[in-house]
Amino acid sequence: MNTSATSLTATAYPRTWQRYTMGQRLLRFALYLVVVAAIVQALRSVEIIPEFLYDAPEQMADLLGRMWPIDWAYYPEGVHGALMETLHIATLGTILSVILAVPVGLLAANNLTPNRLINQLARLILVSSRSVNSLVWALLFIAIFGPGALAGTLAIAFRSIGFVGKLVGEAIEEAQRGPVEALTATGASSGAVLWYGYWPQIRPAFWSIVLLRWDINVRESAVLGLVGAGGIGMALDTALNLFQWDRVALVLAAIFAVVIVAEVIITQARKRIL
């Protein structure tokens, strides 16, 4: 009797499967509405001059015509030295950032720093570093030390502290507790636990973070010269101000080549180190 009643109920009221509940659908609709409203507001607030859009293809063709042929003869005189300085800024800035970021990353790791005040202070330092763009750091250090490679190196370093420190801290937090507990049980010191317990586990992630940040810094250091922080950006800024478009094309080609070479170096280094 009960079985027949259940079958009749299932026949009269068939079940329908729905992916989202009514509340979830309303929330998704509200999010979509907010995104659309934000896009509409952004389009309304951005001043777009239609006349500039209409002749943009013509202006682009004229600019490319001025850039060709590329002034390759200018490379030894005005580009090579600036390009090497860019690589030095990126490399020294990355090394300095690692030296400064690793202690902060250790303090930001919850499993290494139980003191909540110190932990939050370290996280504040990492967030502050990431929230300021490298160009802003460069302008700050130019005001202190004057224009040149020193300001660019410090800008790269202070910009990278947040990136390196955050990822190192997260790698430490994700480390397995087994080796650490075994070392602690034998009475090992904090330095020994860190070196023999954590370092073997985070070493691949650490070198991957350092290589990735150096790759990013090569790109960022190429534009720091636009504000006077040394490197190839200063050669680009000079060529732009003098309307020497064939030399502008040369600088852009050199930057593109350096980025490609840096990518190849990073790929090969990762294969051999990791």
C-alpha atoms as a PDB file:
ATOM      1  CA  MET A   1       0.000   0.000   0.000  1.00  0.00           C
ATOM      2  CA  ASN A   2       2.787   2.375   0.886  1.00  0.00           C
ATOM      3  CA  THR A   3       4.759   1.427  -2.234  1.00  0.00           C
ATOM      4  CA  SER A   4       1.877   2.207  -4.566  1.00  0.00           C
ATOM      5  CA  ALA A   5       1.222   5.510  -2.812  1.00  0.00           C
ATOM      6  CA  THR A   6       4.878   6.493  -3.210  1.00  0.00           C
ATOM      7  CA  SER A   7       4.858   5.603  -6.905  1.00  0.00           C
ATOM      8  CA  LEU A   8       1.680   7.615  -7.458  1.00  0.00           C
ATOM      9  CA  THR A   9       3.241  10.625  -5.703  1.00  0.00           C
ATOM     10  CA  ALA A  10       6.416  10.368  -7.788  1.00  0.00           C
ATOM     11  CA  THR A  11       4.313  10.169 -10.947  1.00  0.00           C
ATOM     12  CA  ALA A  12       2.169  13.136 -10.004  1.00  0.00           C
ATOM     13  CA  TYR A  13       5.093  15.293  -8.843  1.00  0.00           C
ATOM     14  CA  PRO A  14       8.202  14.443 -10.929  1.00  0.00           C
ATOM     15  CA  ARG A  15      11.503  15.655  -9.490  1.00  0.00           C
ATOM     16  CA  THR A  16      13.511  18.181 -11.494  1.00  0.00           C
ATOM     17  CA  TRP A  17      17.235  18.706 -10.865  1.00  0.00           C
ATOM     18  CA  GLN A  18      18.509  22.289 -10.688  1.00  0.00           C
ATOM     19  CA  ARG A  19      22.166  23.242 -10.589  1.00  0.00           C
ATOM     20  CA  TYR A  20      21.670  26.317  -8.400  1.00  0.00           C
ATOM     21  CA  THR A  21      19.170  27.184  -5.724  1.00  0.00           C
ATOM     22  CA  MET A  22      16.977  30.251  -6.017  1.00  0.00           C
ATOM     23  CA  GLY A  23      19.284  32.201  -3.670  1.00  0.00           C
ATOM     24  CA  GLN A  24      22.367  31.248  -5.697  1.00  0.00           C
ATOM     25  CA  ARG A  25      20.690  32.285  -8.944  1.00  0.00           C
ATOM     26  CA  LEU A  26      19.717  35.648  -7.461  1.00  0.00           C
ATOM     27  CA  LEU A  27      23.264  36.169  -6.197  1.00  0.00           C
ATOM     28  CA  ARG A  28      24.754  35.327  -9.594  1.00  0.00           C
ATOM     29  CA  PHE A  29      22.315  37.688 -11.289  1.00  0.00           C
ATOM     30  CA  ALA A  30      23.252  40.451  -8.852  1.00  0.00           C
ATOM     31  CA  LEU A  31      26.959  39.901  -9.540  1.00  0.00           C
ATOM     32  CA  TYR A  32      26.392  40.003 -13.297  1.00  0.00           C
ATOM     33  CA  LEU A  33      24.391  43.196 -12.862  1.00  0.00           C
ATOM     34  CA  VAL A  34      27.187  44.807 -10.829  1.00  0.00           C
ATOM     35  CA  VAL A  35      29.779  43.855 -13.473  1.00  0.00           C
ATOM     36  CA  VAL A  36      27.659  45.271 -16.292  1.00  0.00           C
ATOM     37  CA  ALA A  37      27.014  48.458 -14.322  1.00  0.00           C
ATOM     38  CA  ALA A  38      30.746  48.846 -13.625  1.00  0.00           C
ATOM     39  CA  ILE A  39      31.583  48.414 -17.331  1.00  0.00           C
ATOM     40  CA  VAL A  40      28.929  50.939 -18.356  1.00  0.00           C
ATOM     41  CA  GLN A  41      30.153  53.449 -15.775  1.00  0.00           C
ATOM     42  CA  ALA A  42      33.749  52.971 -16.894  1.00  0.00           C
ATOM     43  CA  LEU A  43      32.819  53.549 -20.542  1.00  0.00           C
ATOM     44  CA  ARG A  44      30.920  56.688 -19.583  1.00  0.00           C
ATOM     45  CA  SER A  45      33.772  58.110 -17.488  1.00  0.00           C
ATOM     46  CA  VAL A  46      36.567  57.367 -19.985  1.00  0.00           C
ATOM     47  CA  GLU A  47      36.906  60.238 -22.433  1.00  0.00           C
ATOM     48  CA  ILE A  48      37.237  58.761 -25.913  1.00  0.00           C
ATOM     49  CA  ILE A  49      37.640  61.188 -28.802  1.00  0.00           C
ATOM     50  CA  PRO A  50      36.042  59.602 -31.881  1.00  0.00           C
ATOM     51  CA  GLU A  51      38.222  61.611 -34.286  1.00  0.00           C
ATOM     52  CA  PHE A  52      41.342  59.990 -32.838  1.00  0.00           C
ATOM     53  CA  LEU A  53      39.849  56.545 -33.299  1.00  0.00           C
ATOM     54  CA  TYR A  54      38.952  57.141 -36.918  1.00  0.00           C
ATOM     55  CA  ASP A  55      42.454  58.052 -38.064  1.00  0.00           C
ATOM     56  CA  ALA A  56      44.281  55.648 -35.706  1.00  0.00           C
ATOM     57  CA  PRO A  57      45.153  53.182 -38.522  1.00  0.00           C
ATOM     58  CA  GLU A  58      46.562  56.013 -40.603  1.00  0.00           C
ATOM     59  CA  GLN A  59      48.625  57.344 -37.701  1.00  0.00           C
ATOM     60  CA  MET A  60      49.909  53.857 -36.918  1.00  0.00           C
ATOM     61  CA  ALA A  61      50.979  53.317 -40.518  1.00  0.00           C
ATOM     62  CA  ASP A  62      52.748  56.694 -40.518  1.00  0.00           C
ATOM     63  CA  LEU A  63      54.545  55.856 -37.259  1.00  0.00           C
ATOM     64  CA  LEU A  64      55.719  52.479 -38.539  1.00  0.00           C
ATOM     65  CA  GLY A  65      56.924  54.179 -41.716  1.00  0.00           C
ATOM     66  CA  ARG A  66      59.027  56.589 -39.649  1.00  0.00           C
ATOM     67  CA  MET A  67      60.525  53.663 -37.696  1.00  0.00           C
ATOM     68  CA  TRP A  68      61.721  51.868 -40.810  1.00  0.00           C
ATOM     69  CA  PRO A  69      64.520  51.284 -41.604  1.00  0.00           C
ATOM     70  CA  ILE A  70      65.862  50.641 -38.104  1.00  0.00           C
ATOM     71  CA  ASP A  71      69.059  52.498 -37.220  1.00  0.00           C
ATOM     72  CA  TRP A  72      71.141  49.405 -36.337  1.00  0.00           C
ATOM     73  CA  ALA A  73      74.366  51.424 -36.443  1.00  0.00           C
ATOM     74  CA  TYR A  74      73.292  53.285 -33.312  1.00  0.00           C
ATOM     75  CA  TYR A  75      73.338  50.127 -31.164  1.00  0.00           C
ATOM     76  CA  PRO A  76      77.022  50.126 -30.055  1.00  0.00           C
ATOM     77  CA  GLU A  77      76.947  53.808 -29.235  1.00  0.00           C
ATOM     78  CA  GLY A  78      73.631  54.359 -27.484  1.00  0.00           C
ATOM     79  CA  VAL A  79      71.862  51.083 -26.733  1.00  0.00           C
ATOM     80  CA  HIS A  80      74.341  48.385 -25.698  1.00  0.00           C
ATOM     81  CA  GLY A  81      75.541  50.094 -22.511  1.00  0.00           C
ATOM     82  CA  ALA A  82      72.005  50.978 -21.455  1.00  0.00           C
ATOM     83  CA  LEU A  83      70.874  47.419 -22.157  1.00  0.00           C
ATOM     84  CA  MET A  84      73.610  45.951 -19.980  1.00  0.00           C
ATOM     85  CA  GLU A  85      72.736  48.425 -17.242  1.00  0.00           C
ATOM     86  CA  THR A  86      69.123  47.230 -17.410  1.00  0.00           C
ATOM     87  CA  LEU A  87      70.227  43.629 -16.863  1.00  0.00           C
ATOM     88  CA  HIS A  88      72.435  44.703 -13.964  1.00  0.00           C
ATOM     89  CA  ILE A  89      69.550  46.606 -12.369  1.00  0.00           C
ATOM     90  CA  ALA A  90      67.255  43.582 -12.672  1.00  0.00           C
ATOM     91  CA  THR A  91      69.856  41.151 -11.336  1.00  0.00           C
ATOM     92  CA  LEU A  92      71.091  43.243  -8.408  1.00  0.00           C
ATOM     93  CA  GLY A  93      67.536  44.263  -7.539  1.00  0.00           C
ATOM     94  CA  THR A  94      66.434  40.624  -7.475  1.00  0.00           C
ATOM     95  CA  ILE A  95      69.361  39.569  -5.282  1.00  0.00           C
ATOM     96  CA  LEU A  96      68.732  42.443  -2.850  1.00  0.00           C
ATOM     97  CA  SER A  97      65.018  41.653  -2.738  1.00  0.00           C
ATOM     98  CA  VAL A  98      65.707  38.006  -1.878  1.00  0.00           C
ATOM     99  CA  ILE A  99      68.045  39.034   0.958  1.00  0.00           C
ATOM    100  CA  LEU A 100      65.395  41.370   2.357  1.00  0.00           C
ATOM    101  CA  ALA A 101      62.330  39.249   1.610  1.00  0.00           C
ATOM    102  CA  VAL A 102      63.341  35.883   3.052  1.00  0.00           C
ATOM    103  CA  PRO A 103      63.431  37.059   6.721  1.00  0.00           C
ATOM    104  CA  VAL A 104      60.100  38.829   6.256  1.00  0.00           C
ATOM    105  CA  GLY A 105      58.650  35.720   4.619  1.00  0.00           C
ATOM    106  CA  LEU A 106      59.790  33.604   7.575  1.00  0.00           C
ATOM    107  CA  LEU A 107      58.085  35.993   9.978  1.00  0.00           C
ATOM    108  CA  ALA A 108      54.924  35.945   7.847  1.00  0.00           C
ATOM    109  CA  ALA A 109      54.634  32.128   8.005  1.00  0.00           C
ATOM    110  CA  ASN A 110      52.134  31.086  10.684  1.00  0.00           C
ATOM    111  CA  ASN A 111      53.858  27.809  11.498  1.00  0.00           C
ATOM    112  CA  LEU A 112      57.196  29.544  12.160  1.00  0.00           C
ATOM    113  CA  THR A 113      55.990  32.719  13.853  1.00  0.00           C
ATOM    114  CA  PRO A 114      53.275  32.022  16.436  1.00  0.00           C
ATOM    115  CA  ASN A 115      53.373  35.639  17.624  1.00  0.00           C
ATOM    116  CA  ARG A 116      50.340  37.171  15.942  1.00  0.00           C
ATOM    117  CA  LEU A 117      51.583  40.771  16.196  1.00  0.00           C
ATOM    118  CA  ILE A 118      54.908  40.018  14.478  1.00  0.00           C
ATOM    119  CA  ASN A 119      53.125  37.867  11.915  1.00  0.00           C
ATOM    120  CA  GLN A 120      50.679  40.617  10.986  1.00  0.00           C
ATOM    121  CA  LEU A 121      53.474  43.211  10.865  1.00  0.00           C
ATOM    122  CA  ALA A 122      55.417  41.034   8.405  1.00  0.00           C
ATOM    123  CA  ARG A 123      52.316  40.594   6.268  1.00  0.00           C
ATOM    124  CA  LEU A 124      51.776  44.366   6.309  1.00  0.00           C
ATOM    125  CA  ILE A 125      55.319  44.872   4.980  1.00  0.00           C
ATOM    126  CA  LEU A 126      54.700  42.384   2.163  1.00  0.00           C
ATOM    127  CA  VAL A 127      51.382  43.984   1.217  1.00  0.00           C
ATOM    128  CA  SER A 128      52.904  47.479   1.304  1.00  0.00           C
ATOM    129  CA  SER A 129      55.694  46.402  -1.034  1.00  0.00           C
ATOM    130  CA  ARG A 130      53.296  44.886  -3.565  1.00  0.00           C
ATOM    131  CA  SER A 131      50.826  47.747  -3.466  1.00  0.00           C
ATOM    132  CA  VAL A 132      53.323  50.344  -4.737  1.00  0.00           C
ATOM    133  CA  ASN A 133      54.237  50.186  -8.407  1.00  0.00           C
ATOM    134  CA  SER A 134      57.891  49.991  -9.389  1.00  0.00           C
ATOM    135  CA  LEU A 135      57.660  53.360 -11.175  1.00  0.00           C
ATOM    136  CA  VAL A 136      56.420  54.979  -7.960  1.00  0.00           C
ATOM    137  CA  TRP A 137      59.271  53.368  -6.017  1.00  0.00           C
ATOM    138  CA  ALA A 138      61.654  54.681  -8.679  1.00  0.00           C
ATOM    139  CA  LEU A 139      60.336  58.239  -8.339  1.00  0.00           C
ATOM    140  CA  LEU A 140      60.719  58.002  -4.566  1.00  0.00           C
ATOM    141  CA  PHE A 141      64.323  56.812  -4.718  1.00  0.00           C
ATOM    142  CA  ILE A 142      65.177  59.329  -7.450  1.00  0.00           C
ATOM    143  CA  ALA A 143      64.067  62.066  -5.062  1.00  0.00           C
ATOM    144  CA  ILE A 144      66.394  60.600  -2.396  1.00  0.00           C
ATOM    145  CA  PHE A 145      69.453  59.417  -4.344  1.00  0.00           C
ATOM    146  CA  GLY A 146      69.042  61.269  -7.621  1.00  0.00           C
ATOM    147  CA  PRO A 147      68.522  59.791 -11.099  1.00  0.00           C
ATOM    148  CA  GLY A 148      70.511  56.748 -12.126  1.00  0.00           C
ATOM    149  CA  ALA A 149      70.879  53.013 -11.750  1.00  0.00           C
ATOM    150  CA  LEU A 150      70.938  53.078  -7.932  1.00  0.00           C
ATOM    151  CA  ALA A 151      67.384  54.373  -7.789  1.00  0.00           C
ATOM    152  CA  GLY A 152      66.299  51.751 -10.334  1.00  0.00           C
ATOM    153  CA  THR A 153      67.955  48.916  -8.424  1.00  0.00           C
ATOM    154  CA  LEU A 154      66.317  49.916  -5.140  1.00  0.00           C
ATOM    155  CA  ALA A 155      62.961  50.333  -6.870  1.00  0.00           C
ATOM    156  CA  ILE A 156      63.168  46.816  -8.293  1.00  0.00           C
ATOM    157  CA  ALA A 157      64.251  45.418  -4.925  1.00  0.00           C
ATOM    158  CA  PHE A 158      61.540  47.058  -2.839  1.00  0.00           C
ATOM    159  CA  ARG A 159      58.878  46.181  -5.394  1.00  0.00           C
ATOM    160  CA  SER A 160      59.973  42.517  -5.340  1.00  0.00           C
ATOM    161  CA  ILE A 161      60.036  42.083  -1.556  1.00  0.00           C
ATOM    162  CA  GLY A 162      56.291  41.537  -1.356  1.00  0.00           C
ATOM    163  CA  PHE A 163      56.253  39.035  -4.222  1.00  0.00           C
ATOM    164  CA  VAL A 164      59.182  36.922  -2.998  1.00  0.00           C
ATOM    165  CA  GLY A 165      58.321  37.118   0.687  1.00  0.00           C
ATOM    166  CA  LYS A 166      54.674  36.176   0.222  1.00  0.00           C
ATOM    167  CA  LEU A 167      55.406  33.117  -1.927  1.00  0.00           C
ATOM    168  CA  VAL A 168      58.255  31.957   0.329  1.00  0.00           C
ATOM    169  CA  GLY A 169      56.015  32.273   3.378  1.00  0.00           C
ATOM    170  CA  GLU A 170      53.235  30.308   1.674  1.00  0.00           C
ATOM    171  CA  ALA A 171      55.712  27.589   0.643  1.00  0.00           C
ATOM    172  CA  ILE A 172      56.858  27.271   4.264  1.00  0.00           C
ATOM    173  CA  GLU A 173      53.263  27.039   5.503  1.00  0.00           C
ATOM    174  CA  GLU A 174      52.556  24.221   3.025  1.00  0.00           C
ATOM    175  CA  ALA A 175      55.618  22.183   4.065  1.00  0.00           C
ATOM    176  CA  GLN A 176      55.027  18.729   5.519  1.00  0.00           C
ATOM    177  CA  ARG A 177      55.181  18.560   9.308  1.00  0.00           C
ATOM    178  CA  GLY A 178      56.718  15.071   9.498  1.00  0.00           C
ATOM    179  CA  PRO A 179      60.403  15.948   8.994  1.00  0.00           C
ATOM    180  CA  VAL A 180      60.044  19.064  11.126  1.00  0.00           C
ATOM    181  CA  GLU A 181      58.508  17.152  14.033  1.00  0.00           C
ATOM    182  CA  ALA A 182      61.187  14.443  13.768  1.00  0.00           C
ATOM    183  CA  LEU A 183      63.971  17.029  14.014  1.00  0.00           C
ATOM    184  CA  THR A 184      62.232  18.829  16.865  1.00  0.00           C
ATOM    185  CA  ALA A 185      61.877  15.554  18.768  1.00  0.00           C
ATOM    186  CA  THR A 186      65.644  14.989  18.582  1.00  0.00           C
ATOM    187  CA  GLY A 187      66.279  18.375  20.185  1.00  0.00           C
ATOM    188  CA  ALA A 188      67.523  20.129  17.035  1.00  0.00           C
ATOM    189  CA  SER A 189      67.924  23.884  17.164  1.00  0.00           C
ATOM    190  CA  SER A 190      65.632  26.276  15.294  1.00  0.00           C
ATOM    191  CA  GLY A 191      68.296  26.854  12.655  1.00  0.00           C
ATOM    192  CA  ALA A 192      68.762  23.122  12.116  1.00  0.00           C
ATOM    193  CA  VAL A 193      65.005  22.595  11.845  1.00  0.00           C
ATOM    194  CA  LEU A 194      64.777  25.377   9.302  1.00  0.00           C
ATOM    195  CA  TRP A 195      67.765  24.140   7.278  1.00  0.00           C
ATOM    196  CA  TYR A 196      67.156  20.385   7.368  1.00  0.00           C
ATOM    197  CA  GLY A 197      63.384  20.306   7.834  1.00  0.00           C
ATOM    198  CA  TYR A 198      61.967  23.166   5.761  1.00  0.00           C
ATOM    199  CA  TRP A 199      64.660  24.022   3.199  1.00  0.00           C
ATOM    200  CA  PRO A 200      64.704  20.658   1.345  1.00  0.00           C
ATOM    201  CA  GLN A 201      60.934  20.915   0.938  1.00  0.00           C
ATOM    202  CA  ILE A 202      60.736  24.533  -0.254  1.00  0.00           C
ATOM    203  CA  ARG A 203      63.957  24.565  -2.315  1.00  0.00           C
ATOM    204  CA  PRO A 204      62.276  23.888  -5.713  1.00  0.00           C
ATOM    205  CA  ALA A 205      59.615  26.514  -5.004  1.00  0.00           C
ATOM    206  CA  PHE A 206      62.233  29.000  -3.790  1.00  0.00           C
ATOM    207  CA  TRP A 207      64.371  28.810  -6.925  1.00  0.00           C
ATOM    208  CA  SER A 208      61.276  28.908  -9.097  1.00  0.00           C
ATOM    209  CA  ILE A 209      60.156  32.091  -7.305  1.00  0.00           C
ATOM    210  CA  VAL A 210      63.580  33.729  -7.676  1.00  0.00           C
ATOM    211  CA  LEU A 211      63.863  32.895 -11.387  1.00  0.00           C
ATOM    212  CA  LEU A 212      60.332  34.061 -12.094  1.00  0.00           C
ATOM    213  CA  ARG A 213      60.908  37.326 -10.251  1.00  0.00           C
ATOM    214  CA  TRP A 214      64.142  37.974 -12.130  1.00  0.00           C
ATOM    215  CA  ASP A 215      62.269  37.436 -15.383  1.00  0.00           C
ATOM    216  CA  ILE A 216      59.631  39.949 -14.284  1.00  0.00           C
ATOM    217  CA  ASN A 217      62.270  42.417 -13.120  1.00  0.00           C
ATOM    218  CA  VAL A 218      63.998  42.364 -16.509  1.00  0.00           C
ATOM    219  CA  ARG A 219      60.751  43.583 -18.031  1.00  0.00           C
ATOM    220  CA  GLU A 220      60.080  46.178 -15.339  1.00  0.00           C
ATOM    221  CA  SER A 221      63.617  47.580 -15.328  1.00  0.00           C
ATOM    222  CA  ALA A 222      63.330  48.240 -19.062  1.00  0.00           C
ATOM    223  CA  VAL A 223      60.802  51.025 -18.431  1.00  0.00           C
ATOM    224  CA  LEU A 224      62.231  52.543 -15.247  1.00  0.00           C
ATOM    225  CA  GLY A 225      64.474  54.771 -17.337  1.00  0.00           C
ATOM    226  CA  LEU A 226      61.389  56.660 -18.526  1.00  0.00           C
ATOM    227  CA  VAL A 227      61.356  58.367 -15.111  1.00  0.00           C
ATOM    228  CA  GLY A 228      65.167  58.651 -14.882  1.00  0.00           C
ATOM    229  CA  ALA A 229      66.021  55.436 -12.996  1.00  0.00           C
ATOM    230  CA  GLY A 230      68.681  54.216 -15.423  1.00  0.00           C
ATOM    231  CA  GLY A 231      68.681  51.459 -17.970  1.00  0.00           C
ATOM    232  CA  ILE A 232      67.508  51.236 -21.539  1.00  0.00           C
ATOM    233  CA  GLY A 233      64.382  53.196 -20.704  1.00  0.00           C
ATOM    234  CA  MET A 234      66.465  56.366 -20.660  1.00  0.00           C
ATOM    235  CA  ALA A 235      67.652  55.672 -24.207  1.00  0.00           C
ATOM    236  CA  LEU A 236      64.037  55.105 -25.225  1.00  0.00           C
ATOM    237  CA  ASP A 237      62.915  58.329 -23.550  1.00  0.00           C
ATOM    238  CA  THR A 238      65.680  60.315 -25.265  1.00  0.00           C
ATOM    239  CA  ALA A 239      64.787  58.916 -28.681  1.00  0.00           C
ATOM    240  CA  LEU A 240      61.098  59.659 -28.129  1.00  0.00           C
ATOM    241  CA  ASN A 241      61.751  63.244 -27.040  1.00  0.00           C
ATOM    242  CA  LEU A 242      63.932  63.865 -30.107  1.00  0.00           C
ATOM    243  CA  PHE A 243      61.449  62.138 -32.473  1.00  0.00           C
ATOM    244  CA  GLN A 244      64.168  59.751 -33.616  1.00  0.00           C
ATOM    245  CA  TRP A 245      61.758  56.997 -34.570  1.00  0.00           C
ATOM    246  CA  ASP A 246      64.356  54.766 -36.229  1.00  0.00           C
ATOM    247  CA  ARG A 247      66.237  54.682 -32.911  1.00  0.00           C
ATOM    248  CA  VAL A 248      62.988  54.120 -31.035  1.00  0.00           C
ATOM    249  CA  ALA A 249      62.474  51.030 -33.170  1.00  0.00           C
ATOM    250  CA  LEU A 250      66.016  49.904 -32.353  1.00  0.00           C
ATOM    251  CA  VAL A 251      65.433  50.255 -28.603  1.00  0.00           C
ATOM    252  CA  LEU A 252      62.125  48.391 -28.818  1.00  0.00           C
ATOM    253  CA  ALA A 253      63.761  45.600 -30.804  1.00  0.00           C
ATOM    254  CA  ALA A 254      66.553  45.360 -28.211  1.00  0.00           C
ATOM    255  CA  ILE A 255      64.038  45.156 -25.356  1.00  0.00           C
ATOM    256  CA  PHE A 256      62.090  42.455 -27.191  1.00  0.00           C
ATOM    257  CA  ALA A 257      65.273  40.476 -27.821  1.00  0.00           C
ATOM    258  CA  VAL A 258      66.322  40.710 -24.160  1.00  0.00           C
ATOM    259  CA  VAL A 259      62.902  39.512 -23.006  1.00  0.00           C
ATOM    260  CA  ILE A 260      63.099  36.502 -25.324  1.00  0.00           C
ATOM    261  CA  VAL A 261      66.640  35.665 -24.205  1.00  0.00           C
ATOM    262  CA  ALA A 262      65.613  36.003 -20.535  1.00  0.00           C
ATOM    263  CA  GLU A 263      62.722  33.627 -21.122  1.00  0.00           C
ATOM    264  CA  VAL A 264      65.053  31.057 -22.682  1.00  0.00           C
ATOM    265  CA  ILE A 265      67.514  31.403 -19.803  1.00  0.00           C
ATOM    266  CA  ILE A 266      64.760  30.962 -17.227  1.00  0.00           C
ATOM    267  CA  THR A 267      63.427  27.871 -18.996  1.00  0.00           C
ATOM    268  CA  GLN A 268      66.851  26.234 -19.178  1.00  0.00           C
ATOM    269  CA  ALA A 269      67.696  27.174 -15.589  1.00  0.00           C
ATOM    270  CA  ARG A 270      64.453  25.676 -14.312  1.00  0.00           C
ATOM    271  CA  LYS A 271      65.200  22.403 -16.105  1.00  0.00           C
ATOM    272  CA  ARG A 272      68.670  22.135 -14.553  1.00  0.00           C
ATOM    273  CA  ILE A 273      67.957  23.474 -11.069  1.00  0.00           C
ATOM    274  CA  LEU A 274      64.506  22.040 -10.479  1.00  0.00           C
END
